[in-house]
Amino acid sequence: MTLPLLHTGSVKNILGVRGESPYVFEFSDRYSVFDWGAMPDDLTDKGECLAAMAQLFFRKFGDKEFWTDWNPTPELFKRYPLAENILLELRKYGVDHHCIGLVDRENKEVKEGTLTNALAVEPVHVPKVGYDTNSGNWDYTEYKSNPVKTLVPLEAIFRFGVPEGSSLMKRVKDPEYLKEIGLTKEPMPGDLFDFPVIEFSTKLETTDRYISLEEAQTISNMNNKEFDRIRGLCILLSLRLKDMFDSIGIKLWDGKFEFAFSEMKDSNGDRVIQLVDSIGPDELRLTYNGVQLSKENLRRFYRNSEWHKSVEQAKGIAKDRNEKDWKEICKSELQKTPENLSPEVREAASMMYKTLTNTLYEKYGEGQIFTDTWNLNLLTDKMERL
């Protein structure tokens, strides 16, 4: 029996019975850029690609052998001492995550590599944070009770460099912020980092907002050990993810992870941090031979459009008015909505997801799962021409 719909998101639906395991992520062919939500086009087979890649990454990260076989440079632990003990835990248990596995529309388990757009996961509570129009602050009171089986209200962003379009360039003028994230000087576009730079942004607010480490720890109400654990996990996960893409000739520039507070506790009574949501090209910025293989291609299509200019204008108006619904301002007051992709861009974007899936499964799965798909060289050649 198909599970009932619990939530419709911009790119995926969540199916299930509230509070009962499992929930099912039903990945759609929709895409979203600039926090708008679902855009006017669909990308063929994108949902199946995202489900397949998420399953693959969760399986690898949850396998303790994946960590036992890895010997990072000693310089890592000199720079990030908090990562050493976390790696020892991962070599014993693997990463704790909420992924159960691929399923069909009837919620029956299917073999990895089978084409399906559905992924079963353990449920995680997602609080609603209220917005106080008088103070202009978001209310994170629910986190004061140290909840478990609950989403951490942060996106953990890692960066191995500063590619075209990186939002980091908006924040590098602040020397205190640079010091906090471990940079000794202002980076330039195209720079690469030896180790990942970690930032945090809000997850449950209407628009993602980059915040200091202190505010990230405060709004999520983590103690020092829990916060060190989430930072250490992000460092180690990003390094292993980079290794996976390096092995297939793809450069990983940046990306993000989401976490939850597990109901499990460690020996000190601190909450275990669980990897949740999804991992795939929508959460990553990738290049092959200098060509972008991520949503940045879709962002570039719209970046100089009248709609995108209106999005930025609407966000500014909403901030000045102390309102949160900038999208309604864009639609109703500025009379702007996104245009359709060109057929050529839509085809290349659809093929990008399938090519990435096939390339990863050739290396780490049971072989290609899509037929009649471009290889990486053809894909990047066509994208470069576009």
Foldseek 3Di string as FASTA:
>chain_A
DFFDWDDDWLFWTWGHDPPDFKIKTQGFQFDDDPLQGGADDGFPLLLQLQQLQQQLLQVLQQDLVNLVVDDDDPVVCVVQVLQPVVSVVCNVGGAFAFWDADAASVRHHDDRLDRHSMTIGHQAAEDAWDADLVVLDTHLPVLVVVDASHWLQKKKKKFQFAEPPDPVLVPQVDCVQCVQQPHPHRDDHPDGHPFIGIWMWGRNASDTGTDGLVVSCVSNVADPSVSSSVVSVVRVSVVSVQVLQVVLQKGWGMFIWIWGFHPDADPVRHTRIYTYDGDDQAGTWMDHPRFTLHCVLVCVVPVPPPLNVLLVVLVVVCVVSSHRCSSCCSCPVVVDGDDDDDPLSSNLNSLSSQQVSQSSCCPRNDHRSDPPGDHPVVSRVSSVVD
